[in-house]
Amino acid sequence: MYSAIGAQARYLPKYFTIPLGELTLPESTLKKNLLFSLYSLETVLRAKFLILGLG
């Protein structure tokens, strides 16, 4: 179980990465993309917690 969590943790940072091209977009678009990334991360974590029986 710990190895599975460790493997998942390695992939989490990709949800927080913002391509450099997006930094030139209007702020509202950047915020939407960031919120969507956080929402996606929350959804993934919730699904993993349910699968692991922690939720």
N, C-alpha and C. Protein backbone atom coordinates (compact mmCIF):
# COMPACT_ATOMS: atom_id res chain seq x y z
N MET A 1 0.83 -1.20 0.00
CA MET A 1 0.00 0.00 0.00
C MET A 1 0.87 1.25 0.00
N TYR A 2 1.94 1.25 0.79
CA TYR A 2 2.80 2.43 0.82
C TYR A 2 3.48 2.65 -0.54
N SER A 3 3.88 1.56 -1.18
CA SER A 3 4.52 1.72 -2.49
C SER A 3 3.54 2.28 -3.50
N ALA A 4 2.27 1.89 -3.40
CA ALA A 4 1.26 2.42 -4.33
C ALA A 4 1.07 3.91 -4.11
N ILE A 5 1.02 4.34 -2.86
CA ILE A 5 0.87 5.77 -2.56
C ILE A 5 2.09 6.53 -3.03
N GLY A 6 3.27 5.96 -2.84
CA GLY A 6 4.49 6.60 -3.31
C GLY A 6 4.50 6.77 -4.82
N ALA A 7 4.01 5.74 -5.51
CA ALA A 7 3.96 5.81 -6.97
C ALA A 7 2.98 6.90 -7.41
N GLN A 8 1.86 7.01 -6.72
CA GLN A 8 0.87 8.04 -7.06
C GLN A 8 1.43 9.42 -6.80
N ALA A 9 2.15 9.58 -5.70
CA ALA A 9 2.67 10.89 -5.33
C ALA A 9 3.65 11.41 -6.38
N ARG A 10 4.36 10.50 -7.04
CA ARG A 10 5.30 10.94 -8.06
C ARG A 10 4.60 11.59 -9.24
N TYR A 11 3.36 11.18 -9.50
CA TYR A 11 2.66 11.70 -10.67
C TYR A 11 1.83 12.93 -10.36
N LEU A 12 1.65 13.26 -9.10
CA LEU A 12 0.80 14.40 -8.73
C LEU A 12 1.30 15.74 -9.26
N PRO A 13 2.61 16.02 -9.25
CA PRO A 13 3.05 17.36 -9.67
C PRO A 13 2.61 17.74 -11.08
N LYS A 14 2.33 16.77 -11.96
CA LYS A 14 1.95 17.13 -13.33
C LYS A 14 0.64 17.92 -13.34
N TYR A 15 -0.18 17.76 -12.31
CA TYR A 15 -1.44 18.50 -12.27
C TYR A 15 -1.21 19.97 -11.94
N PHE A 16 -0.05 20.29 -11.40
CA PHE A 16 0.23 21.67 -11.00
C PHE A 16 1.10 22.40 -12.01
N THR A 17 1.59 21.69 -13.01
CA THR A 17 2.45 22.34 -13.99
C THR A 17 1.61 23.14 -14.96
N ILE A 18 2.06 24.35 -15.25
CA ILE A 18 1.38 25.22 -16.21
C ILE A 18 2.35 25.49 -17.36
N PRO A 19 1.97 25.11 -18.58
CA PRO A 19 2.86 25.38 -19.72
C PRO A 19 3.20 26.87 -19.79
N LEU A 20 4.43 27.17 -20.18
CA LEU A 20 4.87 28.56 -20.24
C LEU A 20 3.99 29.38 -21.17
N GLY A 21 3.48 28.77 -22.23
CA GLY A 21 2.63 29.50 -23.16
C GLY A 21 1.38 30.04 -22.49
N GLU A 22 0.87 29.34 -21.48
CA GLU A 22 -0.36 29.77 -20.82
C GLU A 22 -0.14 31.01 -19.96
N LEU A 23 1.10 31.29 -19.59
CA LEU A 23 1.37 32.46 -18.76
C LEU A 23 1.12 33.75 -19.53
N THR A 24 1.09 33.67 -20.87
CA THR A 24 0.86 34.86 -21.68
C THR A 24 -0.63 35.07 -21.95
N LEU A 25 -1.46 34.11 -21.56
CA LEU A 25 -2.90 34.23 -21.77
C LEU A 25 -3.49 35.22 -20.77
N PRO A 26 -4.71 35.72 -21.06
CA PRO A 26 -5.37 36.59 -20.09
C PRO A 26 -5.49 35.91 -18.73
N GLU A 27 -5.50 36.72 -17.70
CA GLU A 27 -5.49 36.17 -16.34
C GLU A 27 -6.70 35.27 -16.08
N SER A 28 -7.87 35.66 -16.61
CA SER A 28 -9.07 34.86 -16.37
C SER A 28 -8.91 33.45 -16.94
N THR A 29 -8.30 33.36 -18.12
CA THR A 29 -8.08 32.05 -18.73
C THR A 29 -7.11 31.24 -17.89
N LEU A 30 -6.07 31.89 -17.41
CA LEU A 30 -5.08 31.21 -16.57
C LEU A 30 -5.74 30.69 -15.29
N LYS A 31 -6.60 31.52 -14.69
CA LYS A 31 -7.29 31.09 -13.47
C LYS A 31 -8.19 29.91 -13.74
N LYS A 32 -8.91 29.94 -14.87
CA LYS A 32 -9.79 28.82 -15.20
C LYS A 32 -8.99 27.54 -15.36
N ASN A 33 -7.85 27.64 -16.05
CA ASN A 33 -7.03 26.45 -16.25
C ASN A 33 -6.49 25.93 -14.92
N LEU A 34 -6.09 26.84 -14.04
CA LEU A 34 -5.56 26.44 -12.74
C LEU A 34 -6.66 25.80 -11.89
N LEU A 35 -7.85 26.41 -11.90
CA LEU A 35 -8.96 25.83 -11.15
C LEU A 35 -9.32 24.46 -11.69
N PHE A 36 -9.30 24.32 -13.01
CA PHE A 36 -9.60 23.02 -13.61
C PHE A 36 -8.56 21.99 -13.20
N SER A 37 -7.28 22.41 -13.15
CA SER A 37 -6.22 21.50 -12.72
C SER A 37 -6.43 21.05 -11.28
N LEU A 38 -6.78 22.00 -10.41
CA LEU A 38 -7.01 21.66 -9.01
C LEU A 38 -8.23 20.77 -8.86
N TYR A 39 -9.28 21.05 -9.65
CA TYR A 39 -10.48 20.22 -9.61
C TYR A 39 -10.16 18.80 -10.07
N SER A 40 -9.35 18.70 -11.13
CA SER A 40 -8.96 17.39 -11.63
C SER A 40 -8.16 16.63 -10.57
N LEU A 41 -7.26 17.34 -9.91
CA LEU A 41 -6.44 16.72 -8.87
C LEU A 41 -7.33 16.22 -7.73
N GLU A 42 -8.29 17.06 -7.32
CA GLU A 42 -9.19 16.66 -6.24
C GLU A 42 -9.99 15.43 -6.63
N THR A 43 -10.47 15.41 -7.87
CA THR A 43 -11.25 14.27 -8.34
C THR A 43 -10.41 13.00 -8.35
N VAL A 44 -9.17 13.12 -8.81
CA VAL A 44 -8.28 11.96 -8.85
C VAL A 44 -7.99 11.46 -7.44
N LEU A 45 -7.70 12.39 -6.53
CA LEU A 45 -7.40 11.99 -5.16
C LEU A 45 -8.61 11.33 -4.51
N ARG A 46 -9.80 11.89 -4.75
CA ARG A 46 -11.01 11.32 -4.16
C ARG A 46 -11.22 9.91 -4.68
N ALA A 47 -11.00 9.72 -5.98
CA ALA A 47 -11.16 8.38 -6.56
C ALA A 47 -10.15 7.41 -5.96
N LYS A 48 -8.92 7.86 -5.75
CA LYS A 48 -7.90 6.98 -5.19
C LYS A 48 -8.22 6.65 -3.74
N PHE A 49 -8.74 7.63 -3.00
CA PHE A 49 -9.10 7.36 -1.61
C PHE A 49 -10.23 6.34 -1.55
N LEU A 50 -11.20 6.46 -2.46
CA LEU A 50 -12.30 5.50 -2.48
C LEU A 50 -11.79 4.11 -2.82
N ILE A 51 -10.86 4.05 -3.78
CA ILE A 51 -10.30 2.76 -4.17
C ILE A 51 -9.52 2.14 -3.01
N LEU A 52 -8.78 2.98 -2.29
CA LEU A 52 -7.98 2.47 -1.17
C LEU A 52 -8.83 2.23 0.08
N GLY A 53 -10.09 2.68 0.04
CA GLY A 53 -10.96 2.50 1.19
C GLY A 53 -10.72 3.51 2.28
N LEU A 54 -10.12 4.67 1.95
CA LEU A 54 -9.84 5.68 2.96
C LEU A 54 -10.90 6.76 2.98
N GLY A 55 -11.74 6.79 1.95
CA GLY A 55 -12.74 7.85 1.85
C GLY A 55 -14.02 7.45 2.51
